Amino acid sequence: MFQNHTFARSHRRKSQAMLMKFGLAIFMVAIAFGGVALSLHLSSQPGVAKTVVPQERVIEPGMVEIIVPLESIPPGATLEPKMFHRVKKPDLVVGPDTIRDFDDIKGLYSRGVLVAEQPVHRDFLTSLQPVNALTASIPAGYRAIAISVDAISSVEGWAQPGARVDVIWVTRDLGSQMAYAIAPNAKVLSANKKAEGARVDSKNSDSEVPTTVTLLLSVRDAMRVRLASLNGRLALVLRGSDDAGLAKMSGPIGEGALFNVGRGVQPQNRNLVSVKVRDRRTGKEELLTFEDGERVRE
């Protein structure tokens, strides 16, 4: 009887030992599967940082990497990195004020039109949020003024935003019609409230003639244009794209310049214009002669 009891106890111990080993094996397998599952789960999460070896950008000698707009950006737009991409330009055409990296546009707005695929100068950016697209185009010391136009005074509507024009004033002075260039090389900011860089409907753009245009002028020229609009007629003369406005403007032109009959002997190869001017103090009239905008004293 004692032997049977000892045998039973030994058998229970062996069974317990086997159960412990079996449980431990199951526990280790579970840990292994859990580790694999956790690893796969973490690797699939987009927010988990992965170790990426940055690829060094190779820039050829004599070249500089800058950012340029993917598409033209209108004035007053909030600048974002997605609007730009990196390009390589010769260092000879990249100035010190050219925007080179995405960090250079953070928190900035476009002051003027940023042309697609063209380098951006710092002068065309501002840290102040413009009220609208037009105010973003007005630099310090300048003003925007609107004038009424028609098909003739707007050059058949070709005086569009971005164009350069001369403002001509025609008025009656000393009994005859006179023409004066009162605001040379003015920039057209908008036509019929369409600013430069705005999308234009191609169906109507060819036939549309503006009724008003807004010009960018100095403060004094803006005052001169406003006063002239109340005392005569204004017209715009369109300048060429390559005209930097450095040429001398001609002097005032009177009705006498329309006729070939001159007073006195004038060589045919000279462009002389005579204008009568009244002295406001004495009331006397004096005949002044101009050649290519300069007074001729003979």
C-alpha atoms as a PDB file:
ATOM      1  CA  MET A   1       0.000   0.000   0.000  1.00  0.00           C
ATOM      2  CA  PHE A   2       2.863   2.330   0.764  1.00  0.00           C
ATOM      3  CA  GLN A   3       4.393   1.548  -2.632  1.00  0.00           C
ATOM      4  CA  ASN A   4       1.161   2.400  -4.436  1.00  0.00           C
ATOM      5  CA  HIS A   5       0.964   5.748  -2.701  1.00  0.00           C
ATOM      6  CA  THR A   6       4.574   6.599  -3.611  1.00  0.00           C
ATOM      7  CA  PHE A   7       3.964   5.651  -7.246  1.00  0.00           C
ATOM      8  CA  ALA A   8       0.906   7.914  -7.511  1.00  0.00           C
ATOM      9  CA  ARG A   9       2.722  10.865  -6.028  1.00  0.00           C
ATOM     10  CA  SER A  10       5.640  10.402  -8.465  1.00  0.00           C
ATOM     11  CA  HIS A  11       3.238  10.189 -11.369  1.00  0.00           C
ATOM     12  CA  ARG A  12       1.557  13.497 -10.378  1.00  0.00           C
ATOM     13  CA  ARG A  13       4.932  15.261 -10.177  1.00  0.00           C
ATOM     14  CA  LYS A  14       5.860  14.108 -13.682  1.00  0.00           C
ATOM     15  CA  SER A  15       2.495  15.265 -15.012  1.00  0.00           C
ATOM     16  CA  GLN A  16       2.882  18.678 -13.386  1.00  0.00           C
ATOM     17  CA  ALA A  17       6.406  19.060 -14.780  1.00  0.00           C
ATOM     18  CA  MET A  18       5.208  18.233 -18.291  1.00  0.00           C
ATOM     19  CA  LEU A  19       2.337  20.689 -17.992  1.00  0.00           C
ATOM     20  CA  MET A  20       4.728  23.425 -16.854  1.00  0.00           C
ATOM     21  CA  LYS A  21       7.081  22.767 -19.785  1.00  0.00           C
ATOM     22  CA  PHE A  22       4.170  22.724 -22.218  1.00  0.00           C
ATOM     23  CA  GLY A  23       2.780  26.011 -20.818  1.00  0.00           C
ATOM     24  CA  LEU A  24       6.211  27.636 -20.964  1.00  0.00           C
ATOM     25  CA  ALA A  25       6.582  26.600 -24.598  1.00  0.00           C
ATOM     26  CA  ILE A  26       3.179  28.047 -25.460  1.00  0.00           C
ATOM     27  CA  PHE A  27       4.086  31.270 -23.631  1.00  0.00           C
ATOM     28  CA  MET A  28       7.367  31.653 -25.593  1.00  0.00           C
ATOM     29  CA  VAL A  29       5.598  31.025 -28.890  1.00  0.00           C
ATOM     30  CA  ALA A  30       2.964  33.629 -28.002  1.00  0.00           C
ATOM     31  CA  ILE A  31       5.660  36.189 -27.173  1.00  0.00           C
ATOM     32  CA  ALA A  32       7.408  35.495 -30.477  1.00  0.00           C
ATOM     33  CA  PHE A  33       4.202  35.896 -32.500  1.00  0.00           C
ATOM     34  CA  GLY A  34       3.304  39.047 -30.544  1.00  0.00           C
ATOM     35  CA  GLY A  35       6.690  40.592 -31.278  1.00  0.00           C
ATOM     36  CA  VAL A  36       6.360  39.903 -34.982  1.00  0.00           C
ATOM     37  CA  ALA A  37       2.820  41.303 -35.082  1.00  0.00           C
ATOM     38  CA  LEU A  38       3.849  44.430 -33.163  1.00  0.00           C
ATOM     39  CA  SER A  39       6.767  44.996 -35.503  1.00  0.00           C
ATOM     40  CA  LEU A  40       4.555  44.690 -38.572  1.00  0.00           C
ATOM     41  CA  HIS A  41       1.965  47.021 -37.038  1.00  0.00           C
ATOM     42  CA  LEU A  42       4.487  49.733 -36.195  1.00  0.00           C
ATOM     43  CA  SER A  43       6.127  49.573 -39.585  1.00  0.00           C
ATOM     44  CA  SER A  44       2.767  50.133 -41.284  1.00  0.00           C
ATOM     45  CA  GLN A  45       1.945  53.308 -39.326  1.00  0.00           C
ATOM     46  CA  PRO A  46       2.461  56.529 -41.397  1.00  0.00           C
ATOM     47  CA  GLY A  47       3.301  58.624 -38.334  1.00  0.00           C
ATOM     48  CA  VAL A  48       6.225  56.441 -37.245  1.00  0.00           C
ATOM     49  CA  ALA A  49       9.549  57.931 -38.253  1.00  0.00           C
ATOM     50  CA  LYS A  50      11.660  55.782 -40.524  1.00  0.00           C
ATOM     51  CA  THR A  51      15.329  56.025 -40.907  1.00  0.00           C
ATOM     52  CA  VAL A  52      15.906  57.453 -44.391  1.00  0.00           C
ATOM     53  CA  VAL A  53      19.327  58.221 -45.707  1.00  0.00           C
ATOM     54  CA  PRO A  54      19.036  61.652 -47.368  1.00  0.00           C
ATOM     55  CA  GLN A  55      20.117  61.693 -50.978  1.00  0.00           C
ATOM     56  CA  GLU A  56      22.587  64.460 -51.610  1.00  0.00           C
ATOM     57  CA  ARG A  57      21.638  66.827 -54.447  1.00  0.00           C
ATOM     58  CA  VAL A  58      24.406  67.155 -56.966  1.00  0.00           C
ATOM     59  CA  ILE A  59      24.862  70.644 -58.400  1.00  0.00           C
ATOM     60  CA  GLU A  60      27.177  71.194 -61.320  1.00  0.00           C
ATOM     61  CA  PRO A  61      29.936  73.805 -61.046  1.00  0.00           C
ATOM     62  CA  GLY A  62      28.715  77.259 -62.035  1.00  0.00           C
ATOM     63  CA  MET A  63      25.077  76.383 -61.250  1.00  0.00           C
ATOM     64  CA  VAL A  64      22.874  77.463 -58.332  1.00  0.00           C
ATOM     65  CA  GLU A  65      19.704  75.783 -57.085  1.00  0.00           C
ATOM     66  CA  ILE A  66      16.709  78.091 -56.608  1.00  0.00           C
ATOM     67  CA  ILE A  67      12.919  77.763 -56.434  1.00  0.00           C
ATOM     68  CA  VAL A  68      10.565  79.098 -59.122  1.00  0.00           C
ATOM     69  CA  PRO A  69       6.747  79.191 -59.373  1.00  0.00           C
ATOM     70  CA  LEU A  70       5.065  76.245 -61.066  1.00  0.00           C
ATOM     71  CA  GLU A  71       2.428  78.648 -62.435  1.00  0.00           C
ATOM     72  CA  SER A  72       2.137  82.431 -62.485  1.00  0.00           C
ATOM     73  CA  ILE A  73       1.072  83.739 -59.067  1.00  0.00           C
ATOM     74  CA  PRO A  74      -1.120  86.887 -58.919  1.00  0.00           C
ATOM     75  CA  PRO A  75      -0.418  89.777 -56.512  1.00  0.00           C
ATOM     76  CA  GLY A  76      -1.646  89.355 -52.949  1.00  0.00           C
ATOM     77  CA  ALA A  77      -1.441  85.549 -52.930  1.00  0.00           C
ATOM     78  CA  THR A  78      -0.306  83.655 -49.824  1.00  0.00           C
ATOM     79  CA  LEU A  79       2.881  81.821 -50.783  1.00  0.00           C
ATOM     80  CA  GLU A  80       3.119  78.098 -50.081  1.00  0.00           C
ATOM     81  CA  PRO A  81       5.878  75.568 -50.895  1.00  0.00           C
ATOM     82  CA  LYS A  82       3.529  73.575 -53.147  1.00  0.00           C
ATOM     83  CA  MET A  83       3.437  76.550 -55.543  1.00  0.00           C
ATOM     84  CA  PHE A  84       7.175  76.220 -56.254  1.00  0.00           C
ATOM     85  CA  HIS A  85       9.742  73.659 -57.329  1.00  0.00           C
ATOM     86  CA  ARG A  86      13.509  73.511 -57.449  1.00  0.00           C
ATOM     87  CA  VAL A  87      15.501  74.307 -60.599  1.00  0.00           C
ATOM     88  CA  LYS A  88      19.154  74.911 -61.399  1.00  0.00           C
ATOM     89  CA  LYS A  89      20.230  78.220 -62.896  1.00  0.00           C
ATOM     90  CA  PRO A  90      23.653  79.635 -63.849  1.00  0.00           C
ATOM     91  CA  ASP A  91      25.052  81.567 -60.916  1.00  0.00           C
ATOM     92  CA  LEU A  92      25.687  84.500 -63.269  1.00  0.00           C
ATOM     93  CA  VAL A  93      21.925  85.156 -63.571  1.00  0.00           C
ATOM     94  CA  VAL A  94      21.080  84.552 -59.905  1.00  0.00           C
ATOM     95  CA  GLY A  95      21.466  87.674 -57.774  1.00  0.00           C
ATOM     96  CA  PRO A  96      21.866  87.915 -54.006  1.00  0.00           C
ATOM     97  CA  ASP A  97      18.175  88.882 -53.624  1.00  0.00           C
ATOM     98  CA  THR A  98      16.846  85.904 -55.571  1.00  0.00           C
ATOM     99  CA  ILE A  99      14.682  83.479 -53.567  1.00  0.00           C
ATOM    100  CA  ARG A 100      16.578  80.193 -53.244  1.00  0.00           C
ATOM    101  CA  ASP A 101      14.776  78.001 -50.723  1.00  0.00           C
ATOM    102  CA  PHE A 102      11.304  77.229 -49.431  1.00  0.00           C
ATOM    103  CA  ASP A 103      12.188  78.757 -46.052  1.00  0.00           C
ATOM    104  CA  ASP A 104      12.574  82.140 -47.803  1.00  0.00           C
ATOM    105  CA  ILE A 105       8.837  82.345 -48.596  1.00  0.00           C
ATOM    106  CA  LYS A 106       7.389  81.331 -45.225  1.00  0.00           C
ATOM    107  CA  GLY A 107       4.736  83.806 -44.058  1.00  0.00           C
ATOM    108  CA  LEU A 108       5.107  86.006 -47.148  1.00  0.00           C
ATOM    109  CA  TYR A 109       2.729  87.264 -49.843  1.00  0.00           C
ATOM    110  CA  SER A 110       3.288  88.180 -53.478  1.00  0.00           C
ATOM    111  CA  ARG A 111       3.639  91.907 -54.046  1.00  0.00           C
ATOM    112  CA  GLY A 112       3.499  91.640 -57.852  1.00  0.00           C
ATOM    113  CA  VAL A 113       2.952  88.926 -60.430  1.00  0.00           C
ATOM    114  CA  LEU A 114       5.371  86.019 -59.958  1.00  0.00           C
ATOM    115  CA  VAL A 115       5.921  84.630 -63.453  1.00  0.00           C
ATOM    116  CA  ALA A 116       5.913  80.865 -63.922  1.00  0.00           C
ATOM    117  CA  GLU A 117       9.338  79.215 -64.127  1.00  0.00           C
ATOM    118  CA  GLN A 118      11.121  82.544 -63.542  1.00  0.00           C
ATOM    119  CA  PRO A 119      13.368  83.492 -60.587  1.00  0.00           C
ATOM    120  CA  VAL A 120      11.637  85.460 -57.819  1.00  0.00           C
ATOM    121  CA  HIS A 121      13.195  88.659 -56.483  1.00  0.00           C
ATOM    122  CA  ARG A 122      12.685  89.665 -52.850  1.00  0.00           C
ATOM    123  CA  ASP A 123      11.213  93.006 -53.942  1.00  0.00           C
ATOM    124  CA  PHE A 124       8.182  91.110 -55.250  1.00  0.00           C
ATOM    125  CA  LEU A 125       7.412  89.684 -51.789  1.00  0.00           C
ATOM    126  CA  THR A 126       5.934  91.286 -48.694  1.00  0.00           C
ATOM    127  CA  SER A 127       5.298  90.235 -45.121  1.00  0.00           C
ATOM    128  CA  LEU A 128       2.151  92.382 -44.903  1.00  0.00           C
ATOM    129  CA  GLN A 129      -1.043  90.738 -46.050  1.00  0.00           C
ATOM    130  CA  PRO A 130      -2.444  92.943 -48.844  1.00  0.00           C
ATOM    131  CA  VAL A 131      -6.027  94.123 -48.669  1.00  0.00           C
ATOM    132  CA  ASN A 132      -6.522  93.056 -52.288  1.00  0.00           C
ATOM    133  CA  ALA A 133      -4.541  92.265 -55.424  1.00  0.00           C
ATOM    134  CA  LEU A 134      -4.306  95.927 -56.434  1.00  0.00           C
ATOM    135  CA  THR A 135      -2.861  97.287 -53.188  1.00  0.00           C
ATOM    136  CA  ALA A 136      -0.189  94.601 -53.367  1.00  0.00           C
ATOM    137  CA  SER A 137       1.028  96.131 -56.654  1.00  0.00           C
ATOM    138  CA  ILE A 138       1.479  99.688 -55.329  1.00  0.00           C
ATOM    139  CA  PRO A 139       5.016 100.384 -54.078  1.00  0.00           C
ATOM    140  CA  ALA A 140       5.795 103.033 -51.492  1.00  0.00           C
ATOM    141  CA  GLY A 141       5.552 106.581 -52.829  1.00  0.00           C
ATOM    142  CA  TYR A 142       3.130 105.691 -55.635  1.00  0.00           C
ATOM    143  CA  ARG A 143      -0.609 105.871 -56.049  1.00  0.00           C
ATOM    144  CA  ALA A 144      -3.270 104.188 -58.178  1.00  0.00           C
ATOM    145  CA  ILE A 145      -5.721 106.380 -60.061  1.00  0.00           C
ATOM    146  CA  ALA A 146      -8.557 105.386 -62.391  1.00  0.00           C
ATOM    147  CA  ILE A 147      -9.509 107.252 -65.563  1.00  0.00           C
ATOM    148  CA  SER A 148     -12.332 106.805 -68.043  1.00  0.00           C
ATOM    149  CA  VAL A 149     -11.373 105.474 -71.474  1.00  0.00           C
ATOM    150  CA  ASP A 150     -12.978 104.251 -74.666  1.00  0.00           C
ATOM    151  CA  ALA A 151     -11.827 102.294 -77.708  1.00  0.00           C
ATOM    152  CA  ILE A 152      -9.699 105.200 -78.952  1.00  0.00           C
ATOM    153  CA  SER A 153      -8.219 106.481 -75.699  1.00  0.00           C
ATOM    154  CA  SER A 154      -7.372 102.915 -74.573  1.00  0.00           C
ATOM    155  CA  VAL A 155      -5.721 102.021 -77.911  1.00  0.00           C
ATOM    156  CA  GLU A 156      -8.560  99.690 -78.889  1.00  0.00           C
ATOM    157  CA  GLY A 157      -8.331  98.027 -75.504  1.00  0.00           C
ATOM    158  CA  TRP A 158      -4.662  97.052 -75.854  1.00  0.00           C
ATOM    159  CA  ALA A 159      -3.842  99.124 -72.758  1.00  0.00           C
ATOM    160  CA  GLN A 160      -4.230  96.063 -70.559  1.00  0.00           C
ATOM    161  CA  PRO A 161      -2.790  95.329 -67.075  1.00  0.00           C
ATOM    162  CA  GLY A 162       1.004  95.245 -67.178  1.00  0.00           C
ATOM    163  CA  ALA A 163       1.304  97.513 -70.226  1.00  0.00           C
ATOM    164  CA  ARG A 164       3.237 100.792 -70.162  1.00  0.00           C
ATOM    165  CA  VAL A 165       1.586 103.951 -71.494  1.00  0.00           C
ATOM    166  CA  ASP A 166       2.048 107.713 -71.741  1.00  0.00           C
ATOM    167  CA  VAL A 167      -0.872 109.839 -70.579  1.00  0.00           C
ATOM    168  CA  ILE A 168      -1.617 112.569 -73.120  1.00  0.00           C
ATOM    169  CA  TRP A 169      -3.686 115.604 -72.150  1.00  0.00           C
ATOM    170  CA  VAL A 170      -5.440 117.606 -74.891  1.00  0.00           C
ATOM    171  CA  THR A 171      -6.841 120.974 -73.872  1.00  0.00           C
ATOM    172  CA  ARG A 172      -7.480 124.427 -75.222  1.00  0.00           C
ATOM    173  CA  ASP A 173      -4.796 126.955 -74.323  1.00  0.00           C
ATOM    174  CA  LEU A 174      -4.354 130.496 -75.625  1.00  0.00           C
ATOM    175  CA  GLY A 175      -7.074 130.012 -78.199  1.00  0.00           C
ATOM    176  CA  SER A 176      -5.745 126.802 -79.762  1.00  0.00           C
ATOM    177  CA  GLN A 177      -5.730 123.075 -79.003  1.00  0.00           C
ATOM    178  CA  MET A 178      -2.580 121.869 -77.242  1.00  0.00           C
ATOM    179  CA  ALA A 179      -1.358 118.352 -76.407  1.00  0.00           C
ATOM    180  CA  TYR A 180       0.854 117.635 -73.382  1.00  0.00           C
ATOM    181  CA  ALA A 181       2.456 114.398 -72.156  1.00  0.00           C
ATOM    182  CA  ILE A 182       1.657 114.802 -68.457  1.00  0.00           C
ATOM    183  CA  ALA A 183       2.490 111.303 -67.145  1.00  0.00           C
ATOM    184  CA  PRO A 184       5.072 109.371 -69.168  1.00  0.00           C
ATOM    185  CA  ASN A 185       5.773 105.648 -68.767  1.00  0.00           C
ATOM    186  CA  ALA A 186       2.825 104.881 -66.483  1.00  0.00           C
ATOM    187  CA  LYS A 187       1.974 101.260 -65.703  1.00  0.00           C
ATOM    188  CA  VAL A 188      -1.551  99.960 -66.211  1.00  0.00           C
ATOM    189  CA  LEU A 189      -2.548  98.138 -63.020  1.00  0.00           C
ATOM    190  CA  SER A 190      -6.039  97.042 -64.011  1.00  0.00           C
ATOM    191  CA  ALA A 191      -8.654  97.394 -66.726  1.00  0.00           C
ATOM    192  CA  ASN A 192     -12.322  97.025 -65.833  1.00  0.00           C
ATOM    193  CA  LYS A 193     -11.198  95.773 -62.386  1.00  0.00           C
ATOM    194  CA  LYS A 194      -9.092  92.973 -63.887  1.00  0.00           C
ATOM    195  CA  ALA A 195      -5.623  93.149 -62.397  1.00  0.00           C
ATOM    196  CA  GLU A 196      -2.395  91.827 -63.859  1.00  0.00           C
ATOM    197  CA  GLY A 197      -2.141  88.063 -63.529  1.00  0.00           C
ATOM    198  CA  ALA A 198      -5.902  87.566 -63.275  1.00  0.00           C
ATOM    199  CA  ARG A 199      -7.459  84.854 -65.407  1.00  0.00           C
ATOM    200  CA  VAL A 200      -9.040  86.272 -68.541  1.00  0.00           C
ATOM    201  CA  ASP A 201     -11.930  84.701 -70.424  1.00  0.00           C
ATOM    202  CA  SER A 202     -10.436  83.888 -73.819  1.00  0.00           C
ATOM    203  CA  LYS A 203     -13.856  84.135 -75.488  1.00  0.00           C
ATOM    204  CA  ASN A 204     -14.264  87.815 -74.602  1.00  0.00           C
ATOM    205  CA  SER A 205     -10.683  89.020 -74.217  1.00  0.00           C
ATOM    206  CA  ASP A 206     -10.183  89.850 -77.904  1.00  0.00           C
ATOM    207  CA  SER A 207     -13.269  92.050 -78.248  1.00  0.00           C
ATOM    208  CA  GLU A 208     -13.503  93.616 -74.775  1.00  0.00           C
ATOM    209  CA  VAL A 209     -12.686  97.316 -74.578  1.00  0.00           C
ATOM    210  CA  PRO A 210     -12.377  98.677 -71.016  1.00  0.00           C
ATOM    211  CA  THR A 211     -14.348 101.677 -69.878  1.00  0.00           C
ATOM    212  CA  THR A 212     -11.898 102.427 -67.064  1.00  0.00           C
ATOM    213  CA  VAL A 213      -8.236 101.724 -66.441  1.00  0.00           C
ATOM    214  CA  THR A 214      -6.219 102.172 -63.266  1.00  0.00           C
ATOM    215  CA  LEU A 215      -2.714 103.603 -63.586  1.00  0.00           C
ATOM    216  CA  LEU A 216       0.293 103.457 -61.260  1.00  0.00           C
ATOM    217  CA  LEU A 217       1.683 106.990 -60.861  1.00  0.00           C
ATOM    218  CA  SER A 218       3.754 109.063 -58.511  1.00  0.00           C
ATOM    219  CA  VAL A 219       1.744 111.229 -56.139  1.00  0.00           C
ATOM    220  CA  ARG A 220       2.406 114.369 -58.180  1.00  0.00           C
ATOM    221  CA  ASP A 221       1.580 112.729 -61.505  1.00  0.00           C
ATOM    222  CA  ALA A 222      -1.640 111.318 -60.025  1.00  0.00           C
ATOM    223  CA  MET A 223      -2.667 114.843 -58.975  1.00  0.00           C
ATOM    224  CA  ARG A 224      -1.754 116.160 -62.420  1.00  0.00           C
ATOM    225  CA  VAL A 225      -3.809 113.502 -64.195  1.00  0.00           C
ATOM    226  CA  ARG A 226      -6.825 114.097 -61.975  1.00  0.00           C
ATOM    227  CA  LEU A 227      -6.728 117.844 -62.553  1.00  0.00           C
ATOM    228  CA  ALA A 228      -6.269 117.370 -66.294  1.00  0.00           C
ATOM    229  CA  SER A 229      -9.297 115.065 -66.477  1.00  0.00           C
ATOM    230  CA  LEU A 230     -11.468 117.997 -65.333  1.00  0.00           C
ATOM    231  CA  ASN A 231     -10.049 120.433 -67.891  1.00  0.00           C
ATOM    232  CA  GLY A 232      -9.690 118.562 -71.139  1.00  0.00           C
ATOM    233  CA  ARG A 233      -9.439 115.067 -72.606  1.00  0.00           C
ATOM    234  CA  LEU A 234      -7.085 112.256 -71.662  1.00  0.00           C
ATOM    235  CA  ALA A 235      -5.748 109.550 -73.940  1.00  0.00           C
ATOM    236  CA  LEU A 236      -3.257 106.727 -73.504  1.00  0.00           C
ATOM    237  CA  VAL A 237      -0.347 106.128 -75.861  1.00  0.00           C
ATOM    238  CA  LEU A 238       0.900 102.549 -75.755  1.00  0.00           C
ATOM    239  CA  ARG A 239       4.628 101.923 -75.299  1.00  0.00           C
ATOM    240  CA  GLY A 240       6.570  98.959 -76.650  1.00  0.00           C
ATOM    241  CA  SER A 241       7.666  96.115 -74.383  1.00  0.00           C
ATOM    242  CA  ASP A 242      11.352  97.017 -74.865  1.00  0.00           C
ATOM    243  CA  ASP A 243      10.867 100.738 -74.213  1.00  0.00           C
ATOM    244  CA  ALA A 244      12.436 101.435 -70.829  1.00  0.00           C
ATOM    245  CA  GLY A 245      11.114 104.997 -70.816  1.00  0.00           C
ATOM    246  CA  LEU A 246      14.558 106.601 -70.970  1.00  0.00           C
ATOM    247  CA  ALA A 247      13.968 108.547 -74.186  1.00  0.00           C
ATOM    248  CA  LYS A 248      13.208 112.242 -73.854  1.00  0.00           C
ATOM    249  CA  MET A 249       9.546 113.187 -74.145  1.00  0.00           C
ATOM    250  CA  SER A 250       8.667 115.772 -76.774  1.00  0.00           C
ATOM    251  CA  GLY A 251       7.406 119.143 -75.650  1.00  0.00           C
ATOM    252  CA  PRO A 252       3.825 120.348 -76.010  1.00  0.00           C
ATOM    253  CA  ILE A 253       2.349 120.212 -79.480  1.00  0.00           C
ATOM    254  CA  GLY A 254      -0.023 122.871 -80.807  1.00  0.00           C
ATOM    255  CA  GLU A 255      -2.299 123.061 -83.797  1.00  0.00           C
ATOM    256  CA  GLY A 256       0.383 125.014 -85.658  1.00  0.00           C
ATOM    257  CA  ALA A 257       2.535 121.902 -85.751  1.00  0.00           C
ATOM    258  CA  LEU A 258      -0.062 120.229 -87.985  1.00  0.00           C
ATOM    259  CA  PHE A 259       0.691 122.559 -90.856  1.00  0.00           C
ATOM    260  CA  ASN A 260       3.816 122.698 -92.994  1.00  0.00           C
ATOM    261  CA  VAL A 261       3.632 126.454 -93.297  1.00  0.00           C
ATOM    262  CA  GLY A 262       6.218 127.822 -90.856  1.00  0.00           C
ATOM    263  CA  ARG A 263       7.013 131.325 -89.830  1.00  0.00           C
ATOM    264  CA  GLY A 264      10.421 132.476 -90.885  1.00  0.00           C
ATOM    265  CA  VAL A 265      13.153 130.296 -92.334  1.00  0.00           C
ATOM    266  CA  GLN A 266      13.317 126.838 -90.798  1.00  0.00           C
ATOM    267  CA  PRO A 267      15.572 124.123 -92.206  1.00  0.00           C
ATOM    268  CA  GLN A 268      13.581 121.122 -93.378  1.00  0.00           C
ATOM    269  CA  ASN A 269      15.704 118.718 -91.358  1.00  0.00           C
ATOM    270  CA  ARG A 270      14.745 120.365 -88.041  1.00  0.00           C
ATOM    271  CA  ASN A 271      11.609 119.574 -86.047  1.00  0.00           C
ATOM    272  CA  LEU A 272      10.650 122.964 -84.604  1.00  0.00           C
ATOM    273  CA  VAL A 273       7.444 123.732 -82.719  1.00  0.00           C
ATOM    274  CA  SER A 274       6.351 127.284 -81.832  1.00  0.00           C
ATOM    275  CA  VAL A 275       4.028 127.981 -78.908  1.00  0.00           C
ATOM    276  CA  LYS A 276       2.554 131.239 -77.696  1.00  0.00           C
ATOM    277  CA  VAL A 277       2.822 131.711 -73.936  1.00  0.00           C
ATOM    278  CA  ARG A 278       1.257 134.542 -71.938  1.00  0.00           C
ATOM    279  CA  ASP A 279       3.169 135.989 -69.004  1.00  0.00           C
ATOM    280  CA  ARG A 280       0.695 135.978 -66.104  1.00  0.00           C
ATOM    281  CA  ARG A 281       2.312 138.946 -64.429  1.00  0.00           C
ATOM    282  CA  THR A 282       2.642 141.314 -67.389  1.00  0.00           C
ATOM    283  CA  GLY A 283      -0.007 139.859 -69.700  1.00  0.00           C
ATOM    284  CA  LYS A 284       2.433 139.923 -72.627  1.00  0.00           C
ATOM    285  CA  GLU A 285       2.548 137.049 -75.082  1.00  0.00           C
ATOM    286  CA  GLU A 286       5.838 135.450 -76.034  1.00  0.00           C
ATOM    287  CA  LEU A 287       6.512 133.015 -78.873  1.00  0.00           C
ATOM    288  CA  LEU A 288       8.605 130.087 -77.671  1.00  0.00           C
ATOM    289  CA  THR A 289      10.234 127.606 -80.035  1.00  0.00           C
ATOM    290  CA  PHE A 290      10.931 123.970 -79.138  1.00  0.00           C
ATOM    291  CA  GLU A 291      13.004 121.332 -80.912  1.00  0.00           C
ATOM    292  CA  ASP A 292      12.512 117.712 -79.806  1.00  0.00           C
ATOM    293  CA  GLY A 293      11.155 118.897 -76.470  1.00  0.00           C
ATOM    294  CA  GLU A 294      13.971 121.364 -75.780  1.00  0.00           C
ATOM    295  CA  ARG A 295      13.522 125.130 -75.970  1.00  0.00           C
ATOM    296  CA  VAL A 296      15.468 126.799 -78.766  1.00  0.00           C
ATOM    297  CA  ARG A 297      16.947 130.146 -77.857  1.00  0.00           C
ATOM    298  CA  GLU A 298      17.943 132.136 -80.965  1.00  0.00           C
END
